[in-house]
PDB file of N, CA and C in Angstrom:
ATOM      1  N   MET A   1      84.806   7.550  -5.678  1.00  0.00           N
ATOM      2  CA  MET A   1      83.484   8.128  -5.767  1.00  0.00           C
ATOM      3  C   MET A   1      83.565   9.628  -5.492  1.00  0.00           C
ATOM      4  N   GLN A   2      82.868  10.410  -6.294  1.00  0.00           N
ATOM      5  CA  GLN A   2      82.922  11.860  -6.157  1.00  0.00           C
ATOM      6  C   GLN A   2      82.093  12.348  -4.971  1.00  0.00           C
ATOM      7  N   LYS A   3      82.507  13.488  -4.429  1.00  0.00           N
ATOM      8  CA  LYS A   3      81.802  14.116  -3.323  1.00  0.00           C
ATOM      9  C   LYS A   3      80.441  14.622  -3.795  1.00  0.00           C
ATOM     10  N   LEU A   4      79.462  14.594  -2.896  1.00  0.00           N
ATOM     11  CA  LEU A   4      78.125  15.073  -3.220  1.00  0.00           C
ATOM     12  C   LEU A   4      77.946  16.526  -2.816  1.00  0.00           C
ATOM     13  N   THR A   5      77.146  17.242  -3.602  1.00  0.00           N
ATOM     14  CA  THR A   5      76.742  18.588  -3.203  1.00  0.00           C
ATOM     15  C   THR A   5      75.674  18.443  -2.116  1.00  0.00           C
ATOM     16  N   ASN A   6      75.354  19.538  -1.437  1.00  0.00           N
ATOM     17  CA  ASN A   6      74.315  19.484  -0.406  1.00  0.00           C
ATOM     18  C   ASN A   6      72.985  19.011  -0.981  1.00  0.00           C
ATOM     19  N   LYS A   7      72.611  19.504  -2.155  1.00  0.00           N
ATOM     20  CA  LYS A   7      71.343  19.123  -2.783  1.00  0.00           C
ATOM     21  C   LYS A   7      71.367  17.651  -3.178  1.00  0.00           C
ATOM     22  N   GLU A   8      72.485  17.184  -3.720  1.00  0.00           N
ATOM     23  CA  GLU A   8      72.605  15.772  -4.072  1.00  0.00           C
ATOM     24  C   GLU A   8      72.470  14.889  -2.840  1.00  0.00           C
ATOM     25  N   GLU A   9      73.084  15.315  -1.738  1.00  0.00           N
ATOM     26  CA  GLU A   9      72.982  14.544  -0.504  1.00  0.00           C
ATOM     27  C   GLU A   9      71.540  14.518  -0.005  1.00  0.00           C
ATOM     28  N   GLU A  10      70.849  15.642  -0.106  1.00  0.00           N
ATOM     29  CA  GLU A  10      69.431  15.695   0.275  1.00  0.00           C
ATOM     30  C   GLU A  10      68.620  14.692  -0.553  1.00  0.00           C
ATOM     31  N   ILE A  11      68.891  14.635  -1.851  1.00  0.00           N
ATOM     32  CA  ILE A  11      68.182  13.721  -2.741  1.00  0.00           C
ATOM     33  C   ILE A  11      68.519  12.271  -2.385  1.00  0.00           C
ATOM     34  N   MET A  12      69.772  12.000  -2.052  1.00  0.00           N
ATOM     35  CA  MET A  12      70.153  10.645  -1.652  1.00  0.00           C
ATOM     36  C   MET A  12      69.398  10.218  -0.408  1.00  0.00           C
ATOM     37  N   HIS A  13      69.227  11.110   0.560  1.00  0.00           N
ATOM     38  CA  HIS A  13      68.469  10.759   1.766  1.00  0.00           C
ATOM     39  C   HIS A  13      67.040  10.374   1.408  1.00  0.00           C
ATOM     40  N   ILE A  14      66.461  11.066   0.448  1.00  0.00           N
ATOM     41  CA  ILE A  14      65.106  10.737  -0.005  1.00  0.00           C
ATOM     42  C   ILE A  14      65.095   9.372  -0.685  1.00  0.00           C
ATOM     43  N   LEU A  15      66.076   9.112  -1.537  1.00  0.00           N
ATOM     44  CA  LEU A  15      66.135   7.817  -2.221  1.00  0.00           C
ATOM     45  C   LEU A  15      66.386   6.669  -1.240  1.00  0.00           C
ATOM     46  N   TRP A  16      67.217   6.898  -0.229  1.00  0.00           N
ATOM     47  CA  TRP A  16      67.415   5.860   0.792  1.00  0.00           C
ATOM     48  C   TRP A  16      66.108   5.585   1.521  1.00  0.00           C
ATOM     49  N   LYS A  17      65.361   6.633   1.794  1.00  0.00           N
ATOM     50  CA  LYS A  17      64.077   6.480   2.491  1.00  0.00           C
ATOM     51  C   LYS A  17      63.066   5.735   1.623  1.00  0.00           C
ATOM     52  N   LEU A  18      62.946   6.143   0.358  1.00  0.00           N
ATOM     53  CA  LEU A  18      61.949   5.555  -0.531  1.00  0.00           C
ATOM     54  C   LEU A  18      62.394   4.213  -1.128  1.00  0.00           C
ATOM     55  N   GLU A  19      63.697   3.980  -1.182  1.00  0.00           N
ATOM     56  CA  GLU A  19      64.336   2.790  -1.737  1.00  0.00           C
ATOM     57  C   GLU A  19      64.305   2.744  -3.266  1.00  0.00           C
ATOM     58  N   LYS A  20      63.228   3.170  -3.885  1.00  0.00           N
ATOM     59  CA  LYS A  20      63.159   3.328  -5.337  1.00  0.00           C
ATOM     60  C   LYS A  20      62.080   4.358  -5.619  1.00  0.00           C
ATOM     61  N   ALA A  21      62.336   5.190  -6.635  1.00  0.00           N
ATOM     62  CA  ALA A  21      61.394   6.287  -6.873  1.00  0.00           C
ATOM     63  C   ALA A  21      61.571   6.878  -8.260  1.00  0.00           C
ATOM     64  N   PHE A  22      60.464   7.377  -8.782  1.00  0.00           N
ATOM     65  CA  PHE A  22      60.488   8.177  -9.993  1.00  0.00           C
ATOM     66  C   PHE A  22      60.791   9.609  -9.573  1.00  0.00           C
ATOM     67  N   VAL A  23      61.196  10.450 -10.513  1.00  0.00           N
ATOM     68  CA  VAL A  23      61.527  11.844 -10.202  1.00  0.00           C
ATOM     69  C   VAL A  23      60.366  12.521  -9.483  1.00  0.00           C
ATOM     70  N   LYS A  24      59.138  12.284  -9.934  1.00  0.00           N
ATOM     71  CA  LYS A  24      57.967  12.915  -9.310  1.00  0.00           C
ATOM     72  C   LYS A  24      57.817  12.497  -7.845  1.00  0.00           C
ATOM     73  N   ASP A  25      58.200  11.258  -7.509  1.00  0.00           N
ATOM     74  CA  ASP A  25      58.136  10.789  -6.126  1.00  0.00           C
ATOM     75  C   ASP A  25      59.144  11.530  -5.251  1.00  0.00           C
ATOM     76  N   VAL A  26      60.347  11.727  -5.791  1.00  0.00           N
ATOM     77  CA  VAL A  26      61.382  12.465  -5.062  1.00  0.00           C
ATOM     78  C   VAL A  26      60.932  13.907  -4.868  1.00  0.00           C
ATOM     79  N   LEU A  27      60.396  14.511  -5.912  1.00  0.00           N
ATOM     80  CA  LEU A  27      59.928  15.898  -5.851  1.00  0.00           C
ATOM     81  C   LEU A  27      58.864  16.067  -4.769  1.00  0.00           C
ATOM     82  N   ALA A  28      57.977  15.097  -4.642  1.00  0.00           N
ATOM     83  CA  ALA A  28      56.913  15.162  -3.640  1.00  0.00           C
ATOM     84  C   ALA A  28      57.458  15.136  -2.213  1.00  0.00           C
ATOM     85  N   GLU A  29      58.645  14.563  -2.019  1.00  0.00           N
ATOM     86  CA  GLU A  29      59.252  14.460  -0.682  1.00  0.00           C
ATOM     87  C   GLU A  29      59.994  15.728  -0.263  1.00  0.00           C
ATOM     88  N   ILE A  30      60.346  16.583  -1.202  1.00  0.00           N
ATOM     89  CA  ILE A  30      61.127  17.781  -0.886  1.00  0.00           C
ATOM     90  C   ILE A  30      60.200  18.821  -0.263  1.00  0.00           C
ATOM     91  N   GLN A  31      60.536  19.254   0.931  1.00  0.00           N
ATOM     92  CA  GLN A  31      59.687  20.178   1.675  1.00  0.00           C
ATOM     93  C   GLN A  31      59.989  21.644   1.380  1.00  0.00           C
ATOM     94  N   GLU A  32      61.270  21.982   1.313  1.00  0.00           N
ATOM     95  CA  GLU A  32      61.669  23.378   1.112  1.00  0.00           C
ATOM     96  C   GLU A  32      62.534  23.491  -0.135  1.00  0.00           C
ATOM     97  N   ASP A  33      62.484  24.666  -0.749  1.00  0.00           N
ATOM     98  CA  ASP A  33      63.296  24.947  -1.938  1.00  0.00           C
ATOM     99  C   ASP A  33      63.122  23.868  -3.002  1.00  0.00           C
ATOM    100  N   LYS A  34      61.863  23.588  -3.349  1.00  0.00           N
ATOM    101  CA  LYS A  34      61.594  22.575  -4.375  1.00  0.00           C
ATOM    102  C   LYS A  34      62.188  23.019  -5.704  1.00  0.00           C
ATOM    103  N   PRO A  35      63.041  22.188  -6.282  1.00  0.00           N
ATOM    104  CA  PRO A  35      63.580  22.526  -7.604  1.00  0.00           C
ATOM    105  C   PRO A  35      62.522  22.255  -8.674  1.00  0.00           C
ATOM    106  N   HIS A  36      62.736  22.776  -9.847  1.00  0.00           N
ATOM    107  CA  HIS A  36      61.891  22.451 -10.995  1.00  0.00           C
ATOM    108  C   HIS A  36      62.106  20.967 -11.320  1.00  0.00           C
ATOM    109  N   TYR A  37      61.102  20.335 -11.855  1.00  0.00           N
ATOM    110  CA  TYR A  37      61.171  18.914 -12.205  1.00  0.00           C
ATOM    111  C   TYR A  37      62.421  18.604 -13.034  1.00  0.00           C
ATOM    112  N   ASN A  38      62.692  19.412 -14.058  1.00  0.00           N
ATOM    113  CA  ASN A  38      63.851  19.159 -14.931  1.00  0.00           C
ATOM    114  C   ASN A  38      65.165  19.306 -14.181  1.00  0.00           C
ATOM    115  N   THR A  39      65.225  20.265 -13.265  1.00  0.00           N
ATOM    116  CA  THR A  39      66.426  20.452 -12.445  1.00  0.00           C
ATOM    117  C   THR A  39      66.656  19.221 -11.576  1.00  0.00           C
ATOM    118  N   LEU A  40      65.594  18.741 -10.952  1.00  0.00           N
ATOM    119  CA  LEU A  40      65.701  17.549 -10.109  1.00  0.00           C
ATOM    120  C   LEU A  40      66.125  16.344 -10.939  1.00  0.00           C
ATOM    121  N   SER A  41      65.573  16.210 -12.118  1.00  0.00           N
ATOM    122  CA  SER A  41      65.945  15.117 -13.008  1.00  0.00           C
ATOM    123  C   SER A  41      67.441  15.166 -13.327  1.00  0.00           C
ATOM    124  N   THR A  42      67.958  16.363 -13.565  1.00  0.00           N
ATOM    125  CA  THR A  42      69.391  16.535 -13.835  1.00  0.00           C
ATOM    126  C   THR A  42      70.225  16.157 -12.618  1.00  0.00           C
ATOM    127  N   ILE A  43      69.787  16.554 -11.422  1.00  0.00           N
ATOM    128  CA  ILE A  43      70.510  16.213 -10.185  1.00  0.00           C
ATOM    129  C   ILE A  43      70.580  14.693 -10.031  1.00  0.00           C
ATOM    130  N   ILE A  44      69.466  14.029 -10.271  1.00  0.00           N
ATOM    131  CA  ILE A  44      69.441  12.566 -10.129  1.00  0.00           C
ATOM    132  C   ILE A  44      70.335  11.904 -11.183  1.00  0.00           C
ATOM    133  N   ARG A  45      70.334  12.422 -12.389  1.00  0.00           N
ATOM    134  CA  ARG A  45      71.239  11.876 -13.414  1.00  0.00           C
ATOM    135  C   ARG A  45      72.703  12.102 -13.028  1.00  0.00           C
ATOM    136  N   ASN A  46      72.985  13.238 -12.382  1.00  0.00           N
ATOM    137  CA  ASN A  46      74.348  13.479 -11.889  1.00  0.00           C
ATOM    138  C   ASN A  46      74.725  12.447 -10.828  1.00  0.00           C
ATOM    139  N   LEU A  47      73.763  12.095  -9.965  1.00  0.00           N
ATOM    140  CA  LEU A  47      74.006  11.056  -8.960  1.00  0.00           C
ATOM    141  C   LEU A  47      74.298   9.716  -9.633  1.00  0.00           C
ATOM    142  N   GLU A  48      73.638   9.478 -10.744  1.00  0.00           N
ATOM    143  CA  GLU A  48      73.905   8.258 -11.514  1.00  0.00           C
ATOM    144  C   GLU A  48      75.326   8.303 -12.083  1.00  0.00           C
ATOM    145  N   ASP A  49      75.696   9.444 -12.670  1.00  0.00           N
ATOM    146  CA  ASP A  49      77.043   9.593 -13.237  1.00  0.00           C
ATOM    147  C   ASP A  49      78.123   9.434 -12.177  1.00  0.00           C
ATOM    148  N   LYS A  50      77.822   9.867 -10.953  1.00  0.00           N
ATOM    149  CA  LYS A  50      78.796   9.770  -9.855  1.00  0.00           C
ATOM    150  C   LYS A  50      78.828   8.378  -9.224  1.00  0.00           C
ATOM    151  N   GLY A  51      77.919   7.489  -9.645  1.00  0.00           N
ATOM    152  CA  GLY A  51      77.933   6.116  -9.138  1.00  0.00           C
ATOM    153  C   GLY A  51      77.130   5.889  -7.877  1.00  0.00           C
ATOM    154  N   TYR A  52      76.193   6.766  -7.575  1.00  0.00           N
ATOM    155  CA  TYR A  52      75.387   6.629  -6.359  1.00  0.00           C
ATOM    156  C   TYR A  52      74.029   5.991  -6.611  1.00  0.00           C
ATOM    157  N   VAL A  53      73.476   6.153  -7.809  1.00  0.00           N
ATOM    158  CA  VAL A  53      72.168   5.590  -8.124  1.00  0.00           C
ATOM    159  C   VAL A  53      72.191   4.915  -9.492  1.00  0.00           C
ATOM    160  N   SER A  54      71.219   4.055  -9.677  1.00  0.00           N
ATOM    161  CA  SER A  54      70.981   3.444 -10.972  1.00  0.00           C
ATOM    162  C   SER A  54      69.475   3.501 -11.203  1.00  0.00           C
ATOM    163  N   TYR A  55      69.003   2.883 -12.280  1.00  0.00           N
ATOM    164  CA  TYR A  55      67.569   2.961 -12.571  1.00  0.00           C
ATOM    165  C   TYR A  55      67.083   1.747 -13.341  1.00  0.00           C
ATOM    166  N   HIS A  56      65.777   1.574 -13.269  1.00  0.00           N
ATOM    167  CA  HIS A  56      65.067   0.632 -14.123  1.00  0.00           C
ATOM    168  C   HIS A  56      64.296   1.492 -15.118  1.00  0.00           C
ATOM    169  N   ALA A  57      64.388   1.173 -16.390  1.00  0.00           N
ATOM    170  CA  ALA A  57      63.680   1.939 -17.417  1.00  0.00           C
ATOM    171  C   ALA A  57      62.306   1.326 -17.670  1.00  0.00           C
ATOM    172  N   TYR A  58      61.320   2.195 -17.726  1.00  0.00           N
ATOM    173  CA  TYR A  58      59.959   1.820 -18.103  1.00  0.00           C
ATOM    174  C   TYR A  58      59.586   2.737 -19.255  1.00  0.00           C
ATOM    175  N   GLY A  59      59.916   2.327 -20.465  1.00  0.00           N
ATOM    176  CA  GLY A  59      59.751   3.211 -21.613  1.00  0.00           C
ATOM    177  C   GLY A  59      60.716   4.370 -21.472  1.00  0.00           C
ATOM    178  N   LYS A  60      60.182   5.584 -21.537  1.00  0.00           N
ATOM    179  CA  LYS A  60      61.020   6.782 -21.377  1.00  0.00           C
ATOM    180  C   LYS A  60      61.157   7.211 -19.921  1.00  0.00           C
ATOM    181  N   THR A  61      60.467   6.530 -19.037  1.00  0.00           N
ATOM    182  CA  THR A  61      60.490   6.877 -17.612  1.00  0.00           C
ATOM    183  C   THR A  61      61.483   6.000 -16.872  1.00  0.00           C
ATOM    184  N   HIS A  62      62.191   6.595 -15.923  1.00  0.00           N
ATOM    185  CA  HIS A  62      63.174   5.854 -15.129  1.00  0.00           C
ATOM    186  C   HIS A  62      62.771   5.845 -13.662  1.00  0.00           C
ATOM    187  N   GLN A  63      62.886   4.673 -13.063  1.00  0.00           N
ATOM    188  CA  GLN A  63      62.689   4.546 -11.620  1.00  0.00           C
ATOM    189  C   GLN A  63      64.083   4.366 -11.017  1.00  0.00           C
ATOM    190  N   TYR A  64      64.472   5.315 -10.176  1.00  0.00           N
ATOM    191  CA  TYR A  64      65.822   5.350  -9.622  1.00  0.00           C
ATOM    192  C   TYR A  64      65.895   4.644  -8.278  1.00  0.00           C
ATOM    193  N   TYR A  65      67.070   4.114  -7.982  1.00  0.00           N
ATOM    194  CA  TYR A  65      67.314   3.473  -6.687  1.00  0.00           C
ATOM    195  C   TYR A  65      68.792   3.641  -6.327  1.00  0.00           C
ATOM    196  N   PRO A  66      69.070   3.742  -5.019  1.00  0.00           N
ATOM    197  CA  PRO A  66      70.468   3.904  -4.597  1.00  0.00           C
ATOM    198  C   PRO A  66      71.258   2.615  -4.805  1.00  0.00           C
ATOM    199  N   ILE A  67      72.505   2.769  -5.212  1.00  0.00           N
ATOM    200  CA  ILE A  67      73.380   1.595  -5.329  1.00  0.00           C
ATOM    201  C   ILE A  67      74.497   1.644  -4.286  1.00  0.00           C
ATOM    202  N   ILE A  68      74.486   2.675  -3.469  1.00  0.00           N
ATOM    203  CA  ILE A  68      75.368   2.748  -2.305  1.00  0.00           C
ATOM    204  C   ILE A  68      74.452   2.876  -1.097  1.00  0.00           C
ATOM    205  N   THR A  69      74.736   2.114  -0.060  1.00  0.00           N
ATOM    206  CA  THR A  69      73.888   2.160   1.126  1.00  0.00           C
ATOM    207  C   THR A  69      74.162   3.433   1.925  1.00  0.00           C
ATOM    208  N   LYS A  70      73.203   3.789   2.733  1.00  0.00           N
ATOM    209  CA  LYS A  70      73.368   4.944   3.607  1.00  0.00           C
ATOM    210  C   LYS A  70      74.535   4.705   4.574  1.00  0.00           C
ATOM    211  N   GLU A  71      74.661   3.479   5.050  1.00  0.00           N
ATOM    212  CA  GLU A  71      75.751   3.140   5.971  1.00  0.00           C
ATOM    213  C   GLU A  71      77.117   3.288   5.301  1.00  0.00           C
ATOM    214  N   ALA A  72      77.239   2.827   4.075  1.00  0.00           N
ATOM    215  CA  ALA A  72      78.516   2.942   3.355  1.00  0.00           C
ATOM    216  C   ALA A  72      78.855   4.409   3.121  1.00  0.00           C
ATOM    217  N   TYR A  73      77.849   5.215   2.770  1.00  0.00           N
ATOM    218  CA  TYR A  73      78.085   6.642   2.560  1.00  0.00           C
ATOM    219  C   TYR A  73      78.477   7.317   3.873  1.00  0.00           C
ATOM    220  N   LYS A  74      77.774   6.979   4.946  1.00  0.00           N
ATOM    221  CA  LYS A  74      78.068   7.574   6.255  1.00  0.00           C
ATOM    222  C   LYS A  74      79.507   7.257   6.668  1.00  0.00           C
ATOM    223  N   LYS A  75      79.924   6.024   6.457  1.00  0.00           N
ATOM    224  CA  LYS A  75      81.294   5.615   6.813  1.00  0.00           C
ATOM    225  C   LYS A  75      82.309   6.423   6.021  1.00  0.00           C
ATOM    226  N   ARG A  76      82.081   6.562   4.708  1.00  0.00           N
ATOM    227  CA  ARG A  76      82.990   7.323   3.855  1.00  0.00           C
ATOM    228  C   ARG A  76      83.013   8.791   4.258  1.00  0.00           C
ATOM    229  N   PHE A  77      81.819   9.342   4.510  1.00  0.00           N
ATOM    230  CA  PHE A  77      81.694  10.743   4.906  1.00  0.00           C
ATOM    231  C   PHE A  77      82.438  10.998   6.218  1.00  0.00           C
ATOM    232  N   MET A  78      82.243  10.135   7.198  1.00  0.00           N
ATOM    233  CA  MET A  78      82.889  10.318   8.500  1.00  0.00           C
ATOM    234  C   MET A  78      84.407  10.153   8.384  1.00  0.00           C
ATOM    235  N   ASN A  79      84.847   9.161   7.633  1.00  0.00           N
ATOM    236  CA  ASN A  79      86.291   8.970   7.472  1.00  0.00           C
ATOM    237  C   ASN A  79      86.935  10.192   6.828  1.00  0.00           C
ATOM    238  N   THR A  80      86.268  10.777   5.838  1.00  0.00           N
ATOM    239  CA  THR A  80      86.786  11.978   5.179  1.00  0.00           C
ATOM    240  C   THR A  80      86.811  13.155   6.146  1.00  0.00           C
ATOM    241  N   ALA A  81      85.730  13.355   6.895  1.00  0.00           N
ATOM    242  CA  ALA A  81      85.658  14.465   7.857  1.00  0.00           C
ATOM    243  C   ALA A  81      86.729  14.315   8.937  1.00  0.00           C
ATOM    244  N   ILE A  82      86.900  13.100   9.433  1.00  0.00           N
ATOM    245  CA  ILE A  82      87.899  12.866  10.484  1.00  0.00           C
ATOM    246  C   ILE A  82      89.304  13.106   9.942  1.00  0.00           C
ATOM    247  N   ALA A  83      89.544  12.700   8.719  1.00  0.00           N
ATOM    248  CA  ALA A  83      90.860  12.931   8.107  1.00  0.00           C
ATOM    249  C   ALA A  83      91.104  14.416   7.875  1.00  0.00           C
ATOM    250  N   ASN A  84      90.100  15.111   7.352  1.00  0.00           N
ATOM    251  CA  ASN A  84      90.275  16.516   6.976  1.00  0.00           C
ATOM    252  C   ASN A  84      90.243  17.491   8.148  1.00  0.00           C
ATOM    253  N   TYR A  85      89.470  17.196   9.176  1.00  0.00           N
ATOM    254  CA  TYR A  85      89.269  18.163  10.253  1.00  0.00           C
ATOM    255  C   TYR A  85      89.841  17.748  11.603  1.00  0.00           C
ATOM    256  N   PHE A  86      90.162  16.462  11.764  1.00  0.00           N
ATOM    257  CA  PHE A  86      90.612  15.993  13.073  1.00  0.00           C
ATOM    258  C   PHE A  86      91.918  15.221  13.008  1.00  0.00           C
ATOM    259  N   ASN A  87      92.679  15.408  11.922  1.00  0.00           N
ATOM    260  CA  ASN A  87      94.005  14.805  11.787  1.00  0.00           C
ATOM    261  C   ASN A  87      93.980  13.288  11.980  1.00  0.00           C
ATOM    262  N   ASN A  88      92.926  12.655  11.441  1.00  0.00           N
ATOM    263  CA  ASN A  88      92.751  11.196  11.542  1.00  0.00           C
ATOM    264  C   ASN A  88      92.721  10.685  12.975  1.00  0.00           C
ATOM    265  N   SER A  89      92.283  11.524  13.908  1.00  0.00           N
ATOM    266  CA  SER A  89      92.276  11.133  15.314  1.00  0.00           C
ATOM    267  C   SER A  89      90.841  11.105  15.858  1.00  0.00           C
ATOM    268  N   TYR A  90      90.405   9.908  16.248  1.00  0.00           N
ATOM    269  CA  TYR A  90      89.079   9.791  16.857  1.00  0.00           C
ATOM    270  C   TYR A  90      89.072  10.442  18.243  1.00  0.00           C
ATOM    271  N   LYS A  91      90.216  10.447  18.890  1.00  0.00           N
ATOM    272  CA  LYS A  91      90.335  11.143  20.175  1.00  0.00           C
ATOM    273  C   LYS A  91      90.044  12.629  19.982  1.00  0.00           C
ATOM    274  N   ASN A  92      90.561  13.206  18.898  1.00  0.00           N
ATOM    275  CA  ASN A  92      90.294  14.612  18.616  1.00  0.00           C
ATOM    276  C   ASN A  92      88.812  14.859  18.342  1.00  0.00           C
ATOM    277  N   VAL A  93      88.147  13.897  17.718  1.00  0.00           N
ATOM    278  CA  VAL A  93      86.709  14.017  17.451  1.00  0.00           C
ATOM    279  C   VAL A  93      85.945  14.070  18.770  1.00  0.00           C
ATOM    280  N   VAL A  94      86.217  13.109  19.635  1.00  0.00           N
ATOM    281  CA  VAL A  94      85.515  13.048  20.923  1.00  0.00           C
ATOM    282  C   VAL A  94      85.843  14.278  21.760  1.00  0.00           C
ATOM    283  N   SER A  95      87.093  14.701  21.745  1.00  0.00           N
ATOM    284  CA  SER A  95      87.487  15.902  22.499  1.00  0.00           C
ATOM    285  C   SER A  95      86.748  17.134  21.986  1.00  0.00           C
ATOM    286  N   PHE A  96      86.607  17.233  20.683  1.00  0.00           N
ATOM    287  CA  PHE A  96      85.877  18.349  20.087  1.00  0.00           C
ATOM    288  C   PHE A  96      84.447  18.400  20.612  1.00  0.00           C
ATOM    289  N   PHE A  97      83.764  17.259  20.592  1.00  0.00           N
ATOM    290  CA  PHE A  97      82.377  17.236  21.058  1.00  0.00           C
ATOM    291  C   PHE A  97      82.285  17.466  22.561  1.00  0.00           C
ATOM    292  N   ALA A  98      83.267  17.007  23.313  1.00  0.00           N
ATOM    293  CA  ALA A  98      83.274  17.251  24.749  1.00  0.00           C
ATOM    294  C   ALA A  98      83.457  18.742  25.033  1.00  0.00           C
ATOM    295  N   LYS A  99      84.384  19.390  24.333  1.00  0.00           N
ATOM    296  CA  LYS A  99      84.618  20.823  24.514  1.00  0.00           C
ATOM    297  C   LYS A  99      83.406  21.640  24.100  1.00  0.00           C
ATOM    298  N   GLU A 100      82.697  21.192  23.086  1.00  0.00           N
ATOM    299  CA  GLU A 100      81.502  21.884  22.606  1.00  0.00           C
ATOM    300  C   GLU A 100      80.274  21.539  23.453  1.00  0.00           C
ATOM    301  N   GLU A 101      80.480  20.670  24.446  1.00  0.00           N
ATOM    302  CA  GLU A 101      79.406  20.205  25.325  1.00  0.00           C
ATOM    303  C   GLU A 101      78.276  19.546  24.537  1.00  0.00           C
ATOM    304  N   LYS A 102      78.667  18.773  23.533  1.00  0.00           N
ATOM    305  CA  LYS A 102      77.715  18.047  22.696  1.00  0.00           C
ATOM    306  C   LYS A 102      77.631  16.576  23.079  1.00  0.00           C
ATOM    307  N   ILE A 103      78.446  16.177  24.070  1.00  0.00           N
ATOM    308  CA  ILE A 103      78.439  14.787  24.519  1.00  0.00           C
ATOM    309  C   ILE A 103      78.517  14.790  26.045  1.00  0.00           C
ATOM    310  N   SER A 104      77.711  13.922  26.652  1.00  0.00           N
ATOM    311  CA  SER A 104      77.649  13.878  28.111  1.00  0.00           C
ATOM    312  C   SER A 104      78.605  12.824  28.665  1.00  0.00           C
ATOM    313  N   ILE A 105      78.828  12.887  29.961  1.00  0.00           N
ATOM    314  CA  ILE A 105      79.663  11.892  30.631  1.00  0.00           C
ATOM    315  C   ILE A 105      79.034  10.510  30.484  1.00  0.00           C
ATOM    316  N   GLU A 106      77.702  10.442  30.582  1.00  0.00           N
ATOM    317  CA  GLU A 106      77.010   9.160  30.431  1.00  0.00           C
ATOM    318  C   GLU A 106      77.253   8.577  29.038  1.00  0.00           C
ATOM    319  N   GLU A 107      77.200   9.435  28.027  1.00  0.00           N
ATOM    320  CA  GLU A 107      77.453   8.968  26.665  1.00  0.00           C
ATOM    321  C   GLU A 107      78.895   8.500  26.500  1.00  0.00           C
ATOM    322  N   LEU A 108      79.826   9.222  27.118  1.00  0.00           N
ATOM    323  CA  LEU A 108      81.233   8.800  27.061  1.00  0.00           C
ATOM    324  C   LEU A 108      81.416   7.439  27.734  1.00  0.00           C
ATOM    325  N   LYS A 109      80.735   7.237  28.855  1.00  0.00           N
ATOM    326  CA  LYS A 109      80.806   5.940  29.541  1.00  0.00           C
ATOM    327  C   LYS A 109      80.239   4.832  28.653  1.00  0.00           C
ATOM    328  N   GLU A 110      79.154   5.125  27.936  1.00  0.00           N
ATOM    329  CA  GLU A 110      78.573   4.143  27.015  1.00  0.00           C
ATOM    330  C   GLU A 110      79.558   3.794  25.903  1.00  0.00           C
ATOM    331  N   ILE A 111      80.267   4.804  25.414  1.00  0.00           N
ATOM    332  CA  ILE A 111      81.262   4.567  24.361  1.00  0.00           C
ATOM    333  C   ILE A 111      82.379   3.673  24.887  1.00  0.00           C
ATOM    334  N   ILE A 112      82.845   3.951  26.099  1.00  0.00           N
ATOM    335  CA  ILE A 112      83.902   3.138  26.709  1.00  0.00           C
ATOM    336  C   ILE A 112      83.431   1.699  26.870  1.00  0.00           C
ATOM    337  N   GLU A 113      82.186   1.519  27.353  1.00  0.00           N
ATOM    338  CA  GLU A 113      81.638   0.160  27.523  1.00  0.00           C
ATOM    339  C   GLU A 113      81.537  -0.551  26.175  1.00  0.00           C
ATOM    340  N   LEU A 114      81.148   0.175  25.149  1.00  0.00           N
ATOM    341  CA  LEU A 114      81.045  -0.414  23.820  1.00  0.00           C
ATOM    342  C   LEU A 114      82.413  -0.882  23.331  1.00  0.00           C
ATOM    343  N   ILE A 115      83.425  -0.036  23.527  1.00  0.00           N
ATOM    344  CA  ILE A 115      84.792  -0.391  23.121  1.00  0.00           C
ATOM    345  C   ILE A 115      85.284  -1.596  23.897  1.00  0.00           C
ATOM    346  N   GLU A 116      85.043  -1.596  25.210  1.00  0.00           N
ATOM    347  CA  GLU A 116      85.506  -2.715  26.037  1.00  0.00           C
ATOM    348  C   GLU A 116      84.797  -4.021  25.689  1.00  0.00           C
ATOM    349  N   SER A 117      83.530  -3.947  25.304  1.00  0.00           N
ATOM    350  CA  SER A 117      82.786  -5.166  24.958  1.00  0.00           C
ATOM    351  C   SER A 117      83.264  -5.747  23.619  1.00  0.00           C
ATOM    352  N   LYS A 118      83.925  -4.956  22.794  1.00  0.00           N
ATOM    353  CA  LYS A 118      84.432  -5.421  21.491  1.00  0.00           C
ATOM    354  C   LYS A 118      85.765  -6.157  21.639  1.00  0.00           C
ATOM    355  N   LYS A 119      86.405  -6.003  22.799  1.00  0.00           N
ATOM    356  CA  LYS A 119      87.726  -6.620  22.999  1.00  0.00           C
ATOM    357  C   LYS A 119      87.597  -8.091  23.304  1.00  0.00           C
TER     358      LYS A 119
END
């Protein structure tokens, strides 16, 4: 599956939220930097070409829906980020957030408890 652009990812979040939508429905959800209707239609067709969405045809109008779940995308995205930026090490990920002070000791304890409960 091909990587998404930032705009494509934004559109996917809208489609995951709406579950199915016409282009006009997606356009109504965009708060900032609204693209032209035709531009948005092209972005959604690109998502279809990349294997992220499909559609039901109603005459000349298409109602789009995601064919990859948000969870599946998140897993793929995280695995790629961890491979590319953290040398495939989850320890490096946690260390990064600890050094950046983005994770608390309480949260780390919760993670440890979660890991131990899976054993």
